[in-house]
Amino acid sequence: MNDQTSGRSVERRTVLGGLGSLAAAGLLAGCTTETDGGDESPEDAGGDGGSGDGGGSQDTPTADGSSEPEFDQATVDEYLSDVGNYDGTVVDERGSSSVTVAVGTEGNGGNYAFSPPAVVVDAGTTVQFEWTGQGQQHNVVHEGGDYESELYAEAGTHFERTFDSTGVSRYFCRPHKGLGMKGVVVVV
């Protein structure tokens, strides 16, 4: 594992193994997919190609036989496949009440990246998007349209979102999406 400034970096197998262990132990009890947090809606959870974050979670049986959502690493990898600063790791910020994602960091041929591009958080965590002032104007736009910031260029500008629902929330910068300026927040 490598330490990064915004949290612990973990290998994808570590995240999946840890989530599987938690699910098997029944420690994720009470996690449900809701629509009020702006993340994945129930009709999108099956990956039917809907307009939301579809395909972002799977149901995993727990020790008591119930199903709890677990994120699909392949979905994260696919969405971030053209992101220059994504190396297959998901920064583990579970246990943090607030997490910062930098907007306009080195990647994709300039300062056209989010850092970290992939982060896993607990439901109820607030993600603070903070502009670096690099790479022209950027914004944060949810793939399904549930949230969107204004375009900003000034360093220190903040946009925050509290993620109450489990699932994979995919987002991008509208002017630089074609360059690969995209990210995900995995909520467990």
C-alpha atoms as a PDB file:
ATOM      1  CA  MET A   1       0.000   0.000   0.000  1.00  0.00           C
ATOM      2  CA  ASN A   2       1.135   3.528  -0.732  1.00  0.00           C
ATOM      3  CA  ASP A   3       0.340   6.527   1.418  1.00  0.00           C
ATOM      4  CA  GLN A   4      -1.206   9.448  -0.410  1.00  0.00           C
ATOM      5  CA  THR A   5      -1.923  12.936   0.898  1.00  0.00           C
ATOM      6  CA  SER A   6      -5.691  12.502   0.812  1.00  0.00           C
ATOM      7  CA  GLY A   7      -5.878   9.086   2.442  1.00  0.00           C
ATOM      8  CA  ARG A   8      -4.728   5.515   2.314  1.00  0.00           C
ATOM      9  CA  SER A   9      -4.293   4.039  -1.134  1.00  0.00           C
ATOM     10  CA  VAL A  10      -5.376   0.454  -1.344  1.00  0.00           C
ATOM     11  CA  GLU A  11      -5.135  -2.195  -3.994  1.00  0.00           C
ATOM     12  CA  ARG A  12      -8.483  -3.088  -5.573  1.00  0.00           C
ATOM     13  CA  ARG A  13      -8.254  -6.632  -4.220  1.00  0.00           C
ATOM     14  CA  THR A  14      -7.807  -5.221  -0.701  1.00  0.00           C
ATOM     15  CA  VAL A  15     -10.941  -3.082  -1.022  1.00  0.00           C
ATOM     16  CA  LEU A  16     -12.962  -5.928  -2.499  1.00  0.00           C
ATOM     17  CA  GLY A  17     -11.659  -8.405   0.066  1.00  0.00           C
ATOM     18  CA  GLY A  18     -12.387  -6.023   2.921  1.00  0.00           C
ATOM     19  CA  LEU A  19     -15.876  -5.273   1.672  1.00  0.00           C
ATOM     20  CA  GLY A  20     -16.570  -8.972   1.163  1.00  0.00           C
ATOM     21  CA  SER A  21     -15.399  -9.690   4.689  1.00  0.00           C
ATOM     22  CA  LEU A  22     -17.584  -6.940   6.101  1.00  0.00           C
ATOM     23  CA  ALA A  23     -20.574  -8.182   4.132  1.00  0.00           C
ATOM     24  CA  ALA A  24     -19.961 -11.771   5.210  1.00  0.00           C
ATOM     25  CA  ALA A  25     -19.750 -10.691   8.840  1.00  0.00           C
ATOM     26  CA  GLY A  26     -22.998  -8.753   8.503  1.00  0.00           C
ATOM     27  CA  LEU A  27     -21.262  -5.518   9.502  1.00  0.00           C
ATOM     28  CA  LEU A  28     -22.798  -3.593   6.646  1.00  0.00           C
ATOM     29  CA  ALA A  29     -26.301  -4.129   8.033  1.00  0.00           C
ATOM     30  CA  GLY A  30     -28.578  -1.172   7.461  1.00  0.00           C
ATOM     31  CA  CYS A  31     -26.987  -0.071   4.169  1.00  0.00           C
ATOM     32  CA  THR A  32     -29.665   0.435   1.543  1.00  0.00           C
ATOM     33  CA  THR A  33     -29.867   2.132  -1.809  1.00  0.00           C
ATOM     34  CA  GLU A  34     -31.778   5.399  -1.576  1.00  0.00           C
ATOM     35  CA  THR A  35     -32.468   8.162  -4.032  1.00  0.00           C
ATOM     36  CA  ASP A  36     -32.299  11.156  -1.673  1.00  0.00           C
ATOM     37  CA  GLY A  37     -28.483  11.242  -1.603  1.00  0.00           C
ATOM     38  CA  GLY A  38     -28.073  11.763  -5.328  1.00  0.00           C
ATOM     39  CA  ASP A  39     -26.306   8.501  -5.911  1.00  0.00           C
ATOM     40  CA  GLU A  40     -27.581   5.342  -7.493  1.00  0.00           C
ATOM     41  CA  SER A  41     -31.330   4.860  -7.621  1.00  0.00           C
ATOM     42  CA  PRO A  42     -32.913   1.423  -7.152  1.00  0.00           C
ATOM     43  CA  GLU A  43     -33.874   1.117 -10.810  1.00  0.00           C
ATOM     44  CA  ASP A  44     -30.262   1.821 -11.828  1.00  0.00           C
ATOM     45  CA  ALA A  45     -28.701  -0.687  -9.447  1.00  0.00           C
ATOM     46  CA  GLY A  46     -29.126  -3.621 -11.802  1.00  0.00           C
ATOM     47  CA  GLY A  47     -26.956  -2.170 -14.556  1.00  0.00           C
ATOM     48  CA  ASP A  48     -29.754  -2.065 -17.106  1.00  0.00           C
ATOM     49  CA  GLY A  49     -28.168   0.835 -18.961  1.00  0.00           C
ATOM     50  CA  GLY A  50     -30.427   3.471 -17.408  1.00  0.00           C
ATOM     51  CA  SER A  51     -29.435   7.119 -17.275  1.00  0.00           C
ATOM     52  CA  GLY A  52     -28.146   7.049 -13.687  1.00  0.00           C
ATOM     53  CA  ASP A  53     -25.087   5.337 -12.246  1.00  0.00           C
ATOM     54  CA  GLY A  54     -26.331   1.882 -13.323  1.00  0.00           C
ATOM     55  CA  GLY A  55     -24.273  -1.190 -12.713  1.00  0.00           C
ATOM     56  CA  GLY A  56     -22.422   0.330  -9.799  1.00  0.00           C
ATOM     57  CA  SER A  57     -23.296  -2.196  -7.159  1.00  0.00           C
ATOM     58  CA  GLN A  58     -24.048  -5.840  -6.646  1.00  0.00           C
ATOM     59  CA  ASP A  59     -25.860  -7.666  -3.893  1.00  0.00           C
ATOM     60  CA  THR A  60     -23.664  -9.899  -1.771  1.00  0.00           C
ATOM     61  CA  PRO A  61     -25.188 -12.390   0.646  1.00  0.00           C
ATOM     62  CA  THR A  62     -24.315 -11.759   4.295  1.00  0.00           C
ATOM     63  CA  ALA A  63     -23.899 -14.316   7.066  1.00  0.00           C
ATOM     64  CA  ASP A  64     -27.575 -13.980   7.981  1.00  0.00           C
ATOM     65  CA  GLY A  65     -28.718 -14.566   4.372  1.00  0.00           C
ATOM     66  CA  SER A  66     -29.699 -10.973   3.589  1.00  0.00           C
ATOM     67  CA  SER A  67     -28.119  -9.004   0.746  1.00  0.00           C
ATOM     68  CA  GLU A  68     -26.022  -5.908   1.186  1.00  0.00           C
ATOM     69  CA  PRO A  69     -24.659  -3.731  -1.658  1.00  0.00           C
ATOM     70  CA  GLU A  70     -21.004  -4.112  -2.610  1.00  0.00           C
ATOM     71  CA  PHE A  71     -19.348  -2.025  -5.301  1.00  0.00           C
ATOM     72  CA  ASP A  72     -18.189  -3.534  -8.542  1.00  0.00           C
ATOM     73  CA  GLN A  73     -14.489  -2.822  -9.150  1.00  0.00           C
ATOM     74  CA  ALA A  74     -14.958  -3.584 -12.861  1.00  0.00           C
ATOM     75  CA  THR A  75     -17.493  -0.738 -13.102  1.00  0.00           C
ATOM     76  CA  VAL A  76     -15.009   1.666 -11.501  1.00  0.00           C
ATOM     77  CA  ASP A  77     -12.184   0.459 -13.761  1.00  0.00           C
ATOM     78  CA  GLU A  78     -14.321   0.756 -16.882  1.00  0.00           C
ATOM     79  CA  TYR A  79     -15.494   4.296 -16.112  1.00  0.00           C
ATOM     80  CA  LEU A  80     -11.949   5.430 -15.280  1.00  0.00           C
ATOM     81  CA  SER A  81     -10.228   3.509 -18.103  1.00  0.00           C
ATOM     82  CA  ASP A  82      -9.248   6.716 -19.924  1.00  0.00           C
ATOM     83  CA  VAL A  83      -8.234   8.661 -16.789  1.00  0.00           C
ATOM     84  CA  GLY A  84      -4.498   9.374 -16.890  1.00  0.00           C
ATOM     85  CA  ASN A  85      -3.922   9.442 -13.131  1.00  0.00           C
ATOM     86  CA  TYR A  86      -5.998   6.326 -12.297  1.00  0.00           C
ATOM     87  CA  ASP A  87      -3.835   3.270 -11.634  1.00  0.00           C
ATOM     88  CA  GLY A  88      -6.515   0.869 -10.403  1.00  0.00           C
ATOM     89  CA  THR A  89      -6.374   1.898  -6.766  1.00  0.00           C
ATOM     90  CA  VAL A  90      -9.257   3.258  -4.734  1.00  0.00           C
ATOM     91  CA  VAL A  91      -8.336   5.553  -1.839  1.00  0.00           C
ATOM     92  CA  ASP A  92      -9.911   4.202   1.334  1.00  0.00           C
ATOM     93  CA  GLU A  93     -11.469   7.026   3.359  1.00  0.00           C
ATOM     94  CA  ARG A  94     -13.947   4.907   5.297  1.00  0.00           C
ATOM     95  CA  GLY A  95     -14.214   6.221   8.830  1.00  0.00           C
ATOM     96  CA  SER A  96     -13.690   9.848   7.740  1.00  0.00           C
ATOM     97  CA  SER A  97     -16.594  12.261   8.078  1.00  0.00           C
ATOM     98  CA  SER A  98     -15.149  14.605   5.438  1.00  0.00           C
ATOM     99  CA  VAL A  99     -12.896  13.895   2.456  1.00  0.00           C
ATOM    100  CA  THR A 100     -11.199  16.309   0.044  1.00  0.00           C
ATOM    101  CA  VAL A 101     -10.866  15.702  -3.693  1.00  0.00           C
ATOM    102  CA  ALA A 102      -8.634  18.173  -5.551  1.00  0.00           C
ATOM    103  CA  VAL A 103      -9.984  19.596  -8.820  1.00  0.00           C
ATOM    104  CA  GLY A 104      -7.442  20.521 -11.507  1.00  0.00           C
ATOM    105  CA  THR A 105      -4.484  18.289 -10.629  1.00  0.00           C
ATOM    106  CA  GLU A 106      -1.811  16.818 -12.910  1.00  0.00           C
ATOM    107  CA  GLY A 107      -3.205  14.224 -15.283  1.00  0.00           C
ATOM    108  CA  ASN A 108      -4.608  13.700 -18.761  1.00  0.00           C
ATOM    109  CA  GLY A 109      -1.992  15.880 -20.484  1.00  0.00           C
ATOM    110  CA  GLY A 110      -2.134  18.851 -18.096  1.00  0.00           C
ATOM    111  CA  ASN A 111      -3.969  19.889 -14.965  1.00  0.00           C
ATOM    112  CA  TYR A 112      -7.103  18.046 -16.051  1.00  0.00           C
ATOM    113  CA  ALA A 113      -7.665  15.498 -13.300  1.00  0.00           C
ATOM    114  CA  PHE A 114      -9.366  14.879  -9.973  1.00  0.00           C
ATOM    115  CA  SER A 115      -7.150  13.630  -7.165  1.00  0.00           C
ATOM    116  CA  PRO A 116      -7.785  11.037  -6.019  1.00  0.00           C
ATOM    117  CA  PRO A 117      -9.830   9.868  -9.017  1.00  0.00           C
ATOM    118  CA  ALA A 118     -11.441   7.049  -6.987  1.00  0.00           C
ATOM    119  CA  VAL A 119     -12.338   7.091  -3.304  1.00  0.00           C
ATOM    120  CA  VAL A 120     -14.418   4.812  -1.082  1.00  0.00           C
ATOM    121  CA  VAL A 121     -16.352   6.384   1.807  1.00  0.00           C
ATOM    122  CA  ASP A 122     -19.034   5.459   4.309  1.00  0.00           C
ATOM    123  CA  ALA A 123     -22.616   6.597   3.729  1.00  0.00           C
ATOM    124  CA  GLY A 124     -23.073  10.046   5.267  1.00  0.00           C
ATOM    125  CA  THR A 125     -19.578  11.267   4.340  1.00  0.00           C
ATOM    126  CA  THR A 126     -19.176  14.766   2.911  1.00  0.00           C
ATOM    127  CA  VAL A 127     -16.822  15.068  -0.052  1.00  0.00           C
ATOM    128  CA  GLN A 128     -15.281  18.505  -0.410  1.00  0.00           C
ATOM    129  CA  PHE A 129     -14.149  19.251  -3.980  1.00  0.00           C
ATOM    130  CA  GLU A 130     -11.393  21.894  -3.816  1.00  0.00           C
ATOM    131  CA  TRP A 131     -10.085  23.749  -6.864  1.00  0.00           C
ATOM    132  CA  THR A 132      -6.319  24.035  -7.302  1.00  0.00           C
ATOM    133  CA  GLY A 133      -6.494  27.033  -9.629  1.00  0.00           C
ATOM    134  CA  GLN A 134      -4.727  25.046 -12.367  1.00  0.00           C
ATOM    135  CA  GLY A 135      -5.882  23.900 -15.815  1.00  0.00           C
ATOM    136  CA  GLN A 136      -8.494  26.539 -16.684  1.00  0.00           C
ATOM    137  CA  GLN A 137     -12.110  26.403 -15.474  1.00  0.00           C
ATOM    138  CA  HIS A 138     -13.470  23.137 -14.092  1.00  0.00           C
ATOM    139  CA  ASN A 139     -16.705  21.858 -12.644  1.00  0.00           C
ATOM    140  CA  VAL A 140     -18.006  18.692 -10.996  1.00  0.00           C
ATOM    141  CA  VAL A 141     -20.965  17.074 -12.772  1.00  0.00           C
ATOM    142  CA  HIS A 142     -22.706  13.878 -11.652  1.00  0.00           C
ATOM    143  CA  GLU A 143     -23.105  11.399 -14.522  1.00  0.00           C
ATOM    144  CA  GLY A 144     -26.834  11.020 -13.737  1.00  0.00           C
ATOM    145  CA  GLY A 145     -27.479  14.743 -13.192  1.00  0.00           C
ATOM    146  CA  ASP A 146     -28.038  14.624  -9.421  1.00  0.00           C
ATOM    147  CA  TYR A 147     -25.450  17.313  -8.646  1.00  0.00           C
ATOM    148  CA  GLU A 148     -23.400  19.888 -10.534  1.00  0.00           C
ATOM    149  CA  SER A 149     -21.123  22.723  -9.504  1.00  0.00           C
ATOM    150  CA  GLU A 150     -20.567  25.953 -11.365  1.00  0.00           C
ATOM    151  CA  LEU A 151     -17.433  26.399 -13.491  1.00  0.00           C
ATOM    152  CA  TYR A 152     -14.595  27.783 -11.348  1.00  0.00           C
ATOM    153  CA  ALA A 153     -10.919  28.570 -11.919  1.00  0.00           C
ATOM    154  CA  GLU A 154      -9.945  30.182  -8.594  1.00  0.00           C
ATOM    155  CA  ALA A 155      -7.735  28.211  -6.198  1.00  0.00           C
ATOM    156  CA  GLY A 156      -9.433  27.378  -2.914  1.00  0.00           C
ATOM    157  CA  THR A 157     -12.981  27.325  -4.317  1.00  0.00           C
ATOM    158  CA  HIS A 158     -15.068  24.578  -2.695  1.00  0.00           C
ATOM    159  CA  PHE A 159     -18.084  22.524  -3.706  1.00  0.00           C
ATOM    160  CA  GLU A 160     -19.340  19.872  -1.329  1.00  0.00           C
ATOM    161  CA  ARG A 161     -21.658  16.920  -1.532  1.00  0.00           C
ATOM    162  CA  THR A 162     -22.807  14.590   1.245  1.00  0.00           C
ATOM    163  CA  PHE A 163     -23.221  11.023  -0.017  1.00  0.00           C
ATOM    164  CA  ASP A 164     -26.052   9.377   1.924  1.00  0.00           C
ATOM    165  CA  SER A 165     -26.785   6.472  -0.433  1.00  0.00           C
ATOM    166  CA  THR A 166     -24.664   3.416  -1.138  1.00  0.00           C
ATOM    167  CA  GLY A 167     -23.411   2.798  -4.657  1.00  0.00           C
ATOM    168  CA  VAL A 168     -20.932   4.207  -7.151  1.00  0.00           C
ATOM    169  CA  SER A 169     -21.342   7.911  -7.915  1.00  0.00           C
ATOM    170  CA  ARG A 170     -19.621   8.756 -11.216  1.00  0.00           C
ATOM    171  CA  TYR A 171     -18.747  12.362 -12.025  1.00  0.00           C
ATOM    172  CA  PHE A 172     -16.732  14.418 -14.521  1.00  0.00           C
ATOM    173  CA  CYS A 173     -15.636  17.930 -15.509  1.00  0.00           C
ATOM    174  CA  ARG A 174     -17.862  19.007 -18.404  1.00  0.00           C
ATOM    175  CA  PRO A 175     -15.225  20.981 -20.382  1.00  0.00           C
ATOM    176  CA  HIS A 176     -12.550  18.289 -19.926  1.00  0.00           C
ATOM    177  CA  LYS A 177     -14.469  14.995 -19.864  1.00  0.00           C
ATOM    178  CA  GLY A 178     -13.100  14.113 -23.318  1.00  0.00           C
ATOM    179  CA  LEU A 179      -9.571  14.410 -21.909  1.00  0.00           C
ATOM    180  CA  GLY A 180     -10.416  11.923 -19.157  1.00  0.00           C
ATOM    181  CA  MET A 181     -11.203  14.301 -16.275  1.00  0.00           C
ATOM    182  CA  LYS A 182     -13.506  11.923 -14.409  1.00  0.00           C
ATOM    183  CA  GLY A 183     -13.820  10.409 -10.950  1.00  0.00           C
ATOM    184  CA  VAL A 184     -15.886   8.167  -8.719  1.00  0.00           C
ATOM    185  CA  VAL A 185     -17.043   8.171  -5.126  1.00  0.00           C
ATOM    186  CA  VAL A 186     -17.842   4.652  -3.919  1.00  0.00           C
ATOM    187  CA  VAL A 187     -20.261   4.781  -0.981  1.00  0.00           C
ATOM    188  CA  VAL A 188     -20.558   1.694   1.243  1.00  0.00           C
END
